[in-house]
C-alpha atoms as a PDB file:
ATOM      1  CA  MET A   1      58.273 103.516 125.871  1.00  0.00           C
ATOM      2  CA  LYS A   2      57.497 106.089 123.179  1.00  0.00           C
ATOM      3  CA  SER A   3      61.130 105.987 122.124  1.00  0.00           C
ATOM      4  CA  PHE A   4      61.098 102.183 122.068  1.00  0.00           C
ATOM      5  CA  LYS A   5      57.966 102.049 119.954  1.00  0.00           C
ATOM      6  CA  LYS A   6      59.366 104.615 117.533  1.00  0.00           C
ATOM      7  CA  TYR A   7      62.748 102.939 117.131  1.00  0.00           C
ATOM      8  CA  LYS A   8      61.827  99.338 117.975  1.00  0.00           C
ATOM      9  CA  VAL A   9      63.530  97.971 114.849  1.00  0.00           C
ATOM     10  CA  LEU A  10      66.816  99.637 115.833  1.00  0.00           C
ATOM     11  CA  TYR A  11      66.511  98.340 119.405  1.00  0.00           C
ATOM     12  CA  VAL A  12      65.940  94.809 118.110  1.00  0.00           C
ATOM     13  CA  MET A  13      69.046  95.136 115.909  1.00  0.00           C
ATOM     14  CA  MET A  14      71.037  96.243 118.961  1.00  0.00           C
ATOM     15  CA  MET A  15      70.051  93.234 121.078  1.00  0.00           C
ATOM     16  CA  PRO A  16      72.651  90.755 119.738  1.00  0.00           C
ATOM     17  CA  ALA A  17      75.460  93.285 120.360  1.00  0.00           C
ATOM     18  CA  ILE A  18      74.144  94.073 123.854  1.00  0.00           C
ATOM     19  CA  ALA A  19      73.864  90.361 124.640  1.00  0.00           C
ATOM     20  CA  TYR A  20      77.437  89.816 123.420  1.00  0.00           C
ATOM     21  CA  TYR A  21      78.861  92.509 125.702  1.00  0.00           C
ATOM     22  CA  ILE A  22      76.845  91.321 128.691  1.00  0.00           C
ATOM     23  CA  LEU A  23      77.839  87.663 128.285  1.00  0.00           C
ATOM     24  CA  PHE A  24      81.480  88.070 127.278  1.00  0.00           C
ATOM     25  CA  HIS A  25      82.519  91.390 128.848  1.00  0.00           C
ATOM     26  CA  TYR A  26      80.428  92.022 131.961  1.00  0.00           C
ATOM     27  CA  VAL A  27      79.595  88.548 133.310  1.00  0.00           C
ATOM     28  CA  PRO A  28      83.299  87.477 133.287  1.00  0.00           C
ATOM     29  CA  MET A  29      84.068  90.456 135.565  1.00  0.00           C
ATOM     30  CA  TYR A  30      82.913  88.201 138.403  1.00  0.00           C
ATOM     31  CA  GLY A  31      86.186  86.314 137.944  1.00  0.00           C
ATOM     32  CA  ALA A  32      88.171  89.448 138.850  1.00  0.00           C
ATOM     33  CA  VAL A  33      87.717  88.547 142.541  1.00  0.00           C
ATOM     34  CA  LEU A  34      90.305  85.813 141.934  1.00  0.00           C
ATOM     35  CA  ALA A  35      92.955  88.538 142.117  1.00  0.00           C
ATOM     36  CA  PHE A  36      92.200  88.889 145.844  1.00  0.00           C
ATOM     37  CA  LYS A  37      91.849  85.196 146.649  1.00  0.00           C
ATOM     38  CA  ASP A  38      94.015  82.117 147.054  1.00  0.00           C
ATOM     39  CA  PHE A  39      92.097  80.150 144.457  1.00  0.00           C
ATOM     40  CA  GLN A  40      91.581  76.476 145.217  1.00  0.00           C
ATOM     41  CA  LEU A  41      89.948  74.469 142.484  1.00  0.00           C
ATOM     42  CA  MET A  42      87.916  72.208 144.744  1.00  0.00           C
ATOM     43  CA  LYS A  43      86.465  75.135 146.716  1.00  0.00           C
ATOM     44  CA  GLY A  44      85.611  77.281 143.714  1.00  0.00           C
ATOM     45  CA  ILE A  45      85.970  81.016 143.295  1.00  0.00           C
ATOM     46  CA  TRP A  46      83.667  82.248 146.051  1.00  0.00           C
ATOM     47  CA  ASN A  47      84.682  79.752 148.762  1.00  0.00           C
ATOM     48  CA  SER A  48      88.427  80.169 148.250  1.00  0.00           C
ATOM     49  CA  PRO A  49      90.105  82.175 151.056  1.00  0.00           C
ATOM     50  CA  TRP A  50      90.657  85.931 150.687  1.00  0.00           C
ATOM     51  CA  ILE A  51      94.298  87.082 150.753  1.00  0.00           C
ATOM     52  CA  GLY A  52      93.884  90.766 149.887  1.00  0.00           C
ATOM     53  CA  MET A  53      96.672  92.464 147.924  1.00  0.00           C
ATOM     54  CA  HIS A  54      99.163  89.603 148.265  1.00  0.00           C
ATOM     55  CA  HIS A  55      99.358  88.827 144.536  1.00  0.00           C
ATOM     56  CA  PHE A  56      99.881  92.486 143.612  1.00  0.00           C
ATOM     57  CA  MET A  57     102.647  92.882 146.193  1.00  0.00           C
ATOM     58  CA  TYR A  58     104.316  89.716 144.931  1.00  0.00           C
ATOM     59  CA  ALA A  59     104.127  90.909 141.313  1.00  0.00           C
ATOM     60  CA  PHE A  60     105.854  94.220 142.054  1.00  0.00           C
ATOM     61  CA  SER A  61     108.583  92.454 144.008  1.00  0.00           C
ATOM     62  CA  ASP A  62     109.200  89.976 141.189  1.00  0.00           C
ATOM     63  CA  PRO A  63     112.062  91.114 138.875  1.00  0.00           C
ATOM     64  CA  VAL A  64     110.652  88.988 136.044  1.00  0.00           C
ATOM     65  CA  PHE A  65     107.333  90.863 136.160  1.00  0.00           C
ATOM     66  CA  LEU A  66     109.122  94.218 136.275  1.00  0.00           C
ATOM     67  CA  GLN A  67     111.101  93.262 133.148  1.00  0.00           C
ATOM     68  CA  VAL A  68     107.860  92.120 131.479  1.00  0.00           C
ATOM     69  CA  LEU A  69     106.199  95.438 132.362  1.00  0.00           C
ATOM     70  CA  LYS A  70     109.169  97.348 130.946  1.00  0.00           C
ATOM     71  CA  ASN A  71     109.055  95.335 127.699  1.00  0.00           C
ATOM     72  CA  THR A  72     105.311  95.928 127.357  1.00  0.00           C
ATOM     73  CA  ILE A  73     105.608  99.681 127.786  1.00  0.00           C
ATOM     74  CA  ILE A  74     108.567  99.977 125.400  1.00  0.00           C
ATOM     75  CA  ILE A  75     107.004  97.873 122.638  1.00  0.00           C
ATOM     76  CA  SER A  76     103.604  99.584 122.994  1.00  0.00           C
ATOM     77  CA  PHE A  77     105.106 103.077 122.830  1.00  0.00           C
ATOM     78  CA  TYR A  78     107.241 102.135 119.821  1.00  0.00           C
ATOM     79  CA  LYS A  79     104.138 100.886 118.015  1.00  0.00           C
ATOM     80  CA  LEU A  80     102.176 103.993 118.982  1.00  0.00           C
ATOM     81  CA  ILE A  81     104.879 106.529 118.118  1.00  0.00           C
ATOM     82  CA  PHE A  82     105.898 104.996 114.797  1.00  0.00           C
ATOM     83  CA  GLY A  83     102.609 103.307 113.856  1.00  0.00           C
ATOM     84  CA  PHE A  84     100.061 106.031 114.644  1.00  0.00           C
ATOM     85  CA  PRO A  85     101.195 108.533 111.946  1.00  0.00           C
ATOM     86  CA  VAL A  86     101.474 105.945 109.132  1.00  0.00           C
ATOM     87  CA  PRO A  87      97.715 105.565 108.384  1.00  0.00           C
ATOM     88  CA  VAL A  88      97.362 109.365 108.439  1.00  0.00           C
ATOM     89  CA  VAL A  89     100.231 109.887 105.996  1.00  0.00           C
ATOM     90  CA  PHE A  90      98.993 107.047 103.778  1.00  0.00           C
ATOM     91  CA  ALA A  91      95.479 108.534 103.645  1.00  0.00           C
ATOM     92  CA  LEU A  92      96.840 112.013 102.875  1.00  0.00           C
ATOM     93  CA  LEU A  93      99.110 110.756 100.092  1.00  0.00           C
ATOM     94  CA  LEU A  94      96.480 108.550  98.503  1.00  0.00           C
ATOM     95  CA  ASN A  95      93.945 111.371  98.648  1.00  0.00           C
ATOM     96  CA  GLU A  96      96.196 113.427  96.370  1.00  0.00           C
ATOM     97  CA  VAL A  97      96.285 110.723  93.684  1.00  0.00           C
ATOM     98  CA  ALA A  98      94.129 111.665  90.710  1.00  0.00           C
ATOM     99  CA  SER A  99      93.467 108.140  89.382  1.00  0.00           C
ATOM    100  CA  ALA A 100      90.390 106.605  91.045  1.00  0.00           C
ATOM    101  CA  LYS A 101      91.348 103.115  89.840  1.00  0.00           C
ATOM    102  CA  PHE A 102      94.801 103.369  91.417  1.00  0.00           C
ATOM    103  CA  LYS A 103      93.243 104.577  94.677  1.00  0.00           C
ATOM    104  CA  LYS A 104      90.925 101.584  94.851  1.00  0.00           C
ATOM    105  CA  LEU A 105      93.729  99.170  93.998  1.00  0.00           C
ATOM    106  CA  ALA A 106      96.071 100.679  96.593  1.00  0.00           C
ATOM    107  CA  GLN A 107      93.368 100.617  99.282  1.00  0.00           C
ATOM    108  CA  THR A 108      92.484  97.002  98.538  1.00  0.00           C
ATOM    109  CA  ILE A 109      96.115  95.880  98.678  1.00  0.00           C
ATOM    110  CA  SER A 110      96.729  97.777 101.912  1.00  0.00           C
ATOM    111  CA  TYR A 111      93.631  96.223 103.573  1.00  0.00           C
ATOM    112  CA  LEU A 112      94.550  92.601 102.802  1.00  0.00           C
ATOM    113  CA  PRO A 113      97.143  91.988 105.570  1.00  0.00           C
ATOM    114  CA  HIS A 114      94.564  92.952 108.208  1.00  0.00           C
ATOM    115  CA  PHE A 115      92.463  89.894 107.310  1.00  0.00           C
ATOM    116  CA  ILE A 116      95.361  87.450 107.582  1.00  0.00           C
ATOM    117  CA  SER A 117      95.824  85.961 111.056  1.00  0.00           C
ATOM    118  CA  TRP A 118      99.087  86.409 112.944  1.00  0.00           C
ATOM    119  CA  VAL A 119      99.628  82.656 112.790  1.00  0.00           C
ATOM    120  CA  VAL A 120      99.978  82.918 109.013  1.00  0.00           C
ATOM    121  CA  MET A 121     101.715  86.302 109.025  1.00  0.00           C
ATOM    122  CA  ALA A 122     104.262  85.138 111.588  1.00  0.00           C
ATOM    123  CA  GLY A 123     105.075  82.114 109.434  1.00  0.00           C
ATOM    124  CA  ILE A 124     105.584  84.352 106.392  1.00  0.00           C
ATOM    125  CA  PHE A 125     107.856  86.811 108.200  1.00  0.00           C
ATOM    126  CA  MET A 126     109.841  84.065 109.917  1.00  0.00           C
ATOM    127  CA  SER A 127     110.400  82.432 106.542  1.00  0.00           C
ATOM    128  CA  ILE A 128     111.517  85.712 104.946  1.00  0.00           C
ATOM    129  CA  LEU A 129     113.844  86.581 107.847  1.00  0.00           C
ATOM    130  CA  SER A 130     115.254  83.096 108.467  1.00  0.00           C
ATOM    131  CA  ILE A 131     118.900  82.219 107.830  1.00  0.00           C
ATOM    132  CA  ASP A 132     117.992  80.837 104.400  1.00  0.00           C
ATOM    133  CA  GLY A 133     115.275  83.408 103.771  1.00  0.00           C
ATOM    134  CA  LEU A 134     114.978  86.186 101.217  1.00  0.00           C
ATOM    135  CA  VAL A 135     116.580  88.918 103.325  1.00  0.00           C
ATOM    136  CA  ASN A 136     119.638  86.850 104.242  1.00  0.00           C
ATOM    137  CA  SER A 137     119.988  85.705 100.633  1.00  0.00           C
ATOM    138  CA  VAL A 138     120.366  89.360  99.627  1.00  0.00           C
ATOM    139  CA  ILE A 139     122.810  89.934 102.497  1.00  0.00           C
ATOM    140  CA  LYS A 140     124.917  86.983 101.306  1.00  0.00           C
ATOM    141  CA  LEU A 141     124.941  88.347  97.744  1.00  0.00           C
ATOM    142  CA  LEU A 142     126.369  91.589  99.141  1.00  0.00           C
ATOM    143  CA  GLY A 143     129.211  89.604 100.709  1.00  0.00           C
ATOM    144  CA  MET A 144     128.084  89.911 104.326  1.00  0.00           C
ATOM    145  CA  ASP A 145     127.368  87.264 106.940  1.00  0.00           C
ATOM    146  CA  PRO A 146     123.726  86.194 107.422  1.00  0.00           C
ATOM    147  CA  VAL A 147     121.892  87.476 110.495  1.00  0.00           C
ATOM    148  CA  LEU A 148     119.543  85.488 112.741  1.00  0.00           C
ATOM    149  CA  PHE A 149     116.944  88.273 112.864  1.00  0.00           C
ATOM    150  CA  MET A 150     114.222  86.394 114.757  1.00  0.00           C
ATOM    151  CA  GLY A 151     116.627  85.252 117.455  1.00  0.00           C
ATOM    152  CA  ASN A 152     118.545  88.492 117.880  1.00  0.00           C
ATOM    153  CA  GLU A 153     117.508  90.828 120.715  1.00  0.00           C
ATOM    154  CA  GLN A 154     118.952  93.788 118.831  1.00  0.00           C
ATOM    155  CA  TYR A 155     116.495  93.463 115.924  1.00  0.00           C
ATOM    156  CA  PHE A 156     113.437  91.779 117.405  1.00  0.00           C
ATOM    157  CA  ARG A 157     111.584  94.853 118.695  1.00  0.00           C
ATOM    158  CA  LEU A 158     112.189  96.619 115.380  1.00  0.00           C
ATOM    159  CA  ILE A 159     110.720  93.603 113.574  1.00  0.00           C
ATOM    160  CA  LEU A 160     107.653  93.685 115.842  1.00  0.00           C
ATOM    161  CA  VAL A 161     107.016  97.358 115.108  1.00  0.00           C
ATOM    162  CA  LEU A 162     107.524  97.098 111.341  1.00  0.00           C
ATOM    163  CA  THR A 163     105.387  93.979 110.942  1.00  0.00           C
ATOM    164  CA  GLU A 164     102.600  95.526 113.044  1.00  0.00           C
ATOM    165  CA  ILE A 165     102.640  98.658 110.887  1.00  0.00           C
ATOM    166  CA  TYR A 166     102.576  96.582 107.705  1.00  0.00           C
ATOM    167  CA  LYS A 167      99.589  94.554 108.908  1.00  0.00           C
ATOM    168  CA  SER A 168      97.469  97.376 110.307  1.00  0.00           C
ATOM    169  CA  PHE A 169      98.158 100.664 108.488  1.00  0.00           C
ATOM    170  CA  GLY A 170      95.767 100.029 105.584  1.00  0.00           C
ATOM    171  CA  TRP A 171      92.869  99.123 107.841  1.00  0.00           C
ATOM    172  CA  GLY A 172      93.642 102.021 110.181  1.00  0.00           C
ATOM    173  CA  ALA A 173      93.519 104.461 107.269  1.00  0.00           C
ATOM    174  CA  ILE A 174      89.841 103.688 106.575  1.00  0.00           C
ATOM    175  CA  VAL A 175      88.686 106.144 109.246  1.00  0.00           C
ATOM    176  CA  TYR A 176      90.871 108.893 107.778  1.00  0.00           C
ATOM    177  CA  PHE A 177      89.623 108.207 104.242  1.00  0.00           C
ATOM    178  CA  ALA A 178      86.066 108.603 105.532  1.00  0.00           C
ATOM    179  CA  ALA A 179      86.950 111.833 107.356  1.00  0.00           C
ATOM    180  CA  ILE A 180      88.676 113.277 104.281  1.00  0.00           C
ATOM    181  CA  SER A 181      85.707 112.448 102.069  1.00  0.00           C
ATOM    182  CA  GLY A 182      83.497 114.407 104.476  1.00  0.00           C
ATOM    183  CA  ILE A 183      85.498 117.631 104.170  1.00  0.00           C
ATOM    184  CA  ASN A 184      83.564 120.384 102.417  1.00  0.00           C
ATOM    185  CA  GLY A 185      84.901 120.728  98.854  1.00  0.00           C
ATOM    186  CA  GLU A 186      84.238 124.466  98.917  1.00  0.00           C
ATOM    187  CA  LEU A 187      87.167 124.878 101.313  1.00  0.00           C
ATOM    188  CA  TYR A 188      89.544 123.453  98.720  1.00  0.00           C
ATOM    189  CA  GLU A 189      87.979 125.545  95.962  1.00  0.00           C
ATOM    190  CA  ALA A 190      88.442 128.721  98.002  1.00  0.00           C
ATOM    191  CA  ALA A 191      92.040 127.751  98.786  1.00  0.00           C
ATOM    192  CA  ILE A 192      92.767 127.161  95.066  1.00  0.00           C
ATOM    193  CA  ILE A 193      91.322 130.582  94.199  1.00  0.00           C
ATOM    194  CA  ASP A 194      93.604 132.121  96.835  1.00  0.00           C
ATOM    195  CA  GLY A 195      96.578 130.433  95.173  1.00  0.00           C
ATOM    196  CA  ALA A 196      97.217 127.642  97.668  1.00  0.00           C
ATOM    197  CA  GLY A 197      99.057 124.649  96.226  1.00  0.00           C
ATOM    198  CA  ARG A 198      98.531 120.984  97.107  1.00  0.00           C
ATOM    199  CA  PHE A 199     100.929 121.055 100.044  1.00  0.00           C
ATOM    200  CA  LYS A 200      99.345 124.129 101.635  1.00  0.00           C
ATOM    201  CA  ARG A 201      95.852 122.707 101.157  1.00  0.00           C
ATOM    202  CA  VAL A 202      96.924 119.592 103.040  1.00  0.00           C
ATOM    203  CA  ILE A 203      98.599 121.597 105.820  1.00  0.00           C
ATOM    204  CA  TYR A 204      95.902 124.228 106.322  1.00  0.00           C
ATOM    205  CA  ILE A 205      92.716 122.332 105.446  1.00  0.00           C
ATOM    206  CA  THR A 206      93.010 118.535 105.446  1.00  0.00           C
ATOM    207  CA  ILE A 207      95.138 118.032 108.569  1.00  0.00           C
ATOM    208  CA  PRO A 208      93.161 120.499 110.762  1.00  0.00           C
ATOM    209  CA  MET A 209      89.911 118.828 109.662  1.00  0.00           C
ATOM    210  CA  LEU A 210      91.373 115.434 110.602  1.00  0.00           C
ATOM    211  CA  ALA A 211      92.494 116.662 114.038  1.00  0.00           C
ATOM    212  CA  PRO A 212      89.285 115.626 115.894  1.00  0.00           C
ATOM    213  CA  VAL A 213      89.468 112.096 114.461  1.00  0.00           C
ATOM    214  CA  MET A 214      93.170 111.838 115.269  1.00  0.00           C
ATOM    215  CA  ALA A 215      92.546 113.005 118.849  1.00  0.00           C
ATOM    216  CA  ILE A 216      89.802 110.442 119.440  1.00  0.00           C
ATOM    217  CA  LEU A 217      91.857 107.590 117.971  1.00  0.00           C
ATOM    218  CA  LEU A 218      94.855 108.643 120.064  1.00  0.00           C
ATOM    219  CA  ILE A 219      92.739 108.549 123.226  1.00  0.00           C
ATOM    220  CA  LEU A 220      91.427 105.097 122.335  1.00  0.00           C
ATOM    221  CA  SER A 221      94.954 103.918 121.502  1.00  0.00           C
ATOM    222  CA  MET A 222      96.166 104.899 124.964  1.00  0.00           C
ATOM    223  CA  ALA A 223      93.647 102.477 126.468  1.00  0.00           C
ATOM    224  CA  GLY A 224      95.691  99.670 124.915  1.00  0.00           C
ATOM    225  CA  ILE A 225      99.077 100.998 125.967  1.00  0.00           C
ATOM    226  CA  LEU A 226      99.755  97.761 127.864  1.00  0.00           C
ATOM    227  CA  ASP A 227      98.377  95.669 125.022  1.00  0.00           C
ATOM    228  CA  ALA A 228     101.546  95.131 123.018  1.00  0.00           C
ATOM    229  CA  GLY A 229     100.034  92.451 120.798  1.00  0.00           C
ATOM    230  CA  PHE A 230      99.714  88.942 122.243  1.00  0.00           C
ATOM    231  CA  ASP A 231      98.912  87.187 118.943  1.00  0.00           C
ATOM    232  CA  GLN A 232     101.872  88.722 117.159  1.00  0.00           C
ATOM    233  CA  ILE A 233     104.481  88.178 119.858  1.00  0.00           C
ATOM    234  CA  PHE A 234     103.259  84.710 120.893  1.00  0.00           C
ATOM    235  CA  ASN A 235     103.634  83.487 117.320  1.00  0.00           C
ATOM    236  CA  MET A 236     106.958  85.214 116.618  1.00  0.00           C
ATOM    237  CA  TYR A 237     109.078  85.168 119.766  1.00  0.00           C
ATOM    238  CA  SER A 238     111.405  82.465 121.075  1.00  0.00           C
ATOM    239  CA  VAL A 239     113.457  81.751 124.181  1.00  0.00           C
ATOM    240  CA  ASN A 240     116.385  83.653 122.636  1.00  0.00           C
ATOM    241  CA  VAL A 241     114.473  86.954 122.737  1.00  0.00           C
ATOM    242  CA  TYR A 242     112.410  86.509 125.921  1.00  0.00           C
ATOM    243  CA  ARG A 243     114.367  89.246 127.668  1.00  0.00           C
ATOM    244  CA  VAL A 244     113.188  91.946 125.228  1.00  0.00           C
ATOM    245  CA  SER A 245     109.881  90.520 123.978  1.00  0.00           C
ATOM    246  CA  ASP A 246     108.086  88.903 126.900  1.00  0.00           C
ATOM    247  CA  ILE A 247     105.037  91.105 127.613  1.00  0.00           C
ATOM    248  CA  ILE A 248     102.236  91.105 130.190  1.00  0.00           C
ATOM    249  CA  ASP A 249      99.866  89.058 127.993  1.00  0.00           C
ATOM    250  CA  THR A 250     102.389  86.272 127.323  1.00  0.00           C
ATOM    251  CA  TYR A 251     103.418  86.374 130.993  1.00  0.00           C
ATOM    252  CA  VAL A 252      99.779  86.013 132.114  1.00  0.00           C
ATOM    253  CA  TYR A 253      99.320  83.161 129.636  1.00  0.00           C
ATOM    254  CA  ARG A 254     102.269  81.256 131.083  1.00  0.00           C
ATOM    255  CA  LYS A 255     101.283  81.895 134.702  1.00  0.00           C
ATOM    256  CA  GLY A 256      97.616  81.114 134.197  1.00  0.00           C
ATOM    257  CA  MET A 257      97.420  78.454 131.493  1.00  0.00           C
ATOM    258  CA  VAL A 258     100.792  76.717 131.872  1.00  0.00           C
ATOM    259  CA  GLU A 259     101.636  77.060 135.583  1.00  0.00           C
ATOM    260  CA  MET A 260      97.926  77.198 136.619  1.00  0.00           C
ATOM    261  CA  LYS A 261      98.462  80.139 138.993  1.00  0.00           C
ATOM    262  CA  TYR A 262      95.016  81.504 138.219  1.00  0.00           C
ATOM    263  CA  SER A 263      94.787  84.042 141.041  1.00  0.00           C
ATOM    264  CA  TYR A 264      98.172  85.557 140.300  1.00  0.00           C
ATOM    265  CA  ALA A 265      97.464  85.723 136.558  1.00  0.00           C
ATOM    266  CA  THR A 266      94.123  87.418 137.282  1.00  0.00           C
ATOM    267  CA  ALA A 267      95.845  89.998 139.497  1.00  0.00           C
ATOM    268  CA  VAL A 268      98.326  90.885 136.760  1.00  0.00           C
ATOM    269  CA  GLY A 269      95.532  91.103 134.189  1.00  0.00           C
ATOM    270  CA  LEU A 270      93.487  93.335 136.508  1.00  0.00           C
ATOM    271  CA  PHE A 271      96.490  95.613 136.983  1.00  0.00           C
ATOM    272  CA  LYS A 272      96.738  95.955 133.212  1.00  0.00           C
ATOM    273  CA  SER A 273      93.060  96.917 132.953  1.00  0.00           C
ATOM    274  CA  VAL A 274      93.369  99.544 135.694  1.00  0.00           C
ATOM    275  CA  VAL A 275      96.388 101.112 133.979  1.00  0.00           C
ATOM    276  CA  ALA A 276      94.456 101.200 130.677  1.00  0.00           C
ATOM    277  CA  LEU A 277      91.581 103.033 132.383  1.00  0.00           C
ATOM    278  CA  ILE A 278      93.958 105.540 133.992  1.00  0.00           C
ATOM    279  CA  MET A 279      95.727 106.195 130.673  1.00  0.00           C
ATOM    280  CA  ILE A 280      92.555 106.809 128.666  1.00  0.00           C
ATOM    281  CA  VAL A 281      91.181 109.204 131.321  1.00  0.00           C
ATOM    282  CA  THR A 282      94.535 111.024 131.583  1.00  0.00           C
ATOM    283  CA  VAL A 283      94.988 111.509 127.838  1.00  0.00           C
ATOM    284  CA  ASN A 284      91.374 112.646 127.474  1.00  0.00           C
ATOM    285  CA  GLN A 285      91.948 115.239 130.220  1.00  0.00           C
ATOM    286  CA  VAL A 286      95.229 116.403 128.640  1.00  0.00           C
ATOM    287  CA  ILE A 287      93.492 116.985 125.296  1.00  0.00           C
ATOM    288  CA  LYS A 288      90.730 118.976 127.040  1.00  0.00           C
ATOM    289  CA  THR A 289      93.328 121.034 128.925  1.00  0.00           C
ATOM    290  CA  MET A 290      95.154 121.842 125.683  1.00  0.00           C
ATOM    291  CA  GLY A 291      92.008 123.500 124.380  1.00  0.00           C
ATOM    292  CA  GLY A 292      90.521 120.577 122.513  1.00  0.00           C
ATOM    293  CA  LYS A 293      87.310 120.013 124.488  1.00  0.00           C
ATOM    294  CA  GLU A 294      85.431 119.318 121.281  1.00  0.00           C
ATOM    295  CA  HIS A 295      88.012 116.620 120.455  1.00  0.00           C
ATOM    296  CA  ALA A 296      87.740 114.770 123.783  1.00  0.00           C
ATOM    297  CA  LEU A 297      85.513 111.756 124.363  1.00  0.00           C
ATOM    298  CA  TRP A 298      83.748 113.323 127.356  1.00  0.00           C
END
């Protein structure tokens, strides 16, 4: 009570956020029991018969689900491997720019795509990469045949990764800009006196100081390893590229919202959540084992 009285204003400010998480994150967990039931609309969730692990066993015997799981893992790892370093590199490069005006302009431009929805972004990219789009116009000028990029399995995953990086790298760099600004300037001054150039200052001061932030963001990223980007893929894919682009989220959408197999869709979604929990705990433990206890979340 003493703590509440002392910080009552802060507690009051926290209440809307707490209410949001309770209503939209914890209360809906009741619906997870659908994964173990044969849901019948007229009987409701609780009165529908229990069928145990049937939906999970069916999912892992379904070749379509196994292909969807494979696509999700591949696309997520591509985005993580190629997308994770980009905000770091961008922040490091922009930090070395002397002009404050250019820094602000570059940051503003890089942030903008984050605020544009995937509905709009998908339309822009599909227009640019269409048969009559900008990219194919250049290809035609070079004397080559146009390519159906959005309907070609060979290019589609690459397009997903590049467009995701373009949309998110500026926003993702904000954390690194904040971390860099918090580095003690005396470290750089001492390094300059010792004769260290820009490159060595980045290697021996900036990057090591960013390591804790990078470790935490990597751990949090692993929690979404099966979240390959529903909004992006749903707005960009087509039947022609289902084989390489259909992911767990789009699969759950079709099973639940289109085919109305609510119990099965819930089971697949629950499996995804369990894997996310396992991944975040595993990566956190690996970082602690590698000697980075201070970098781990717990």
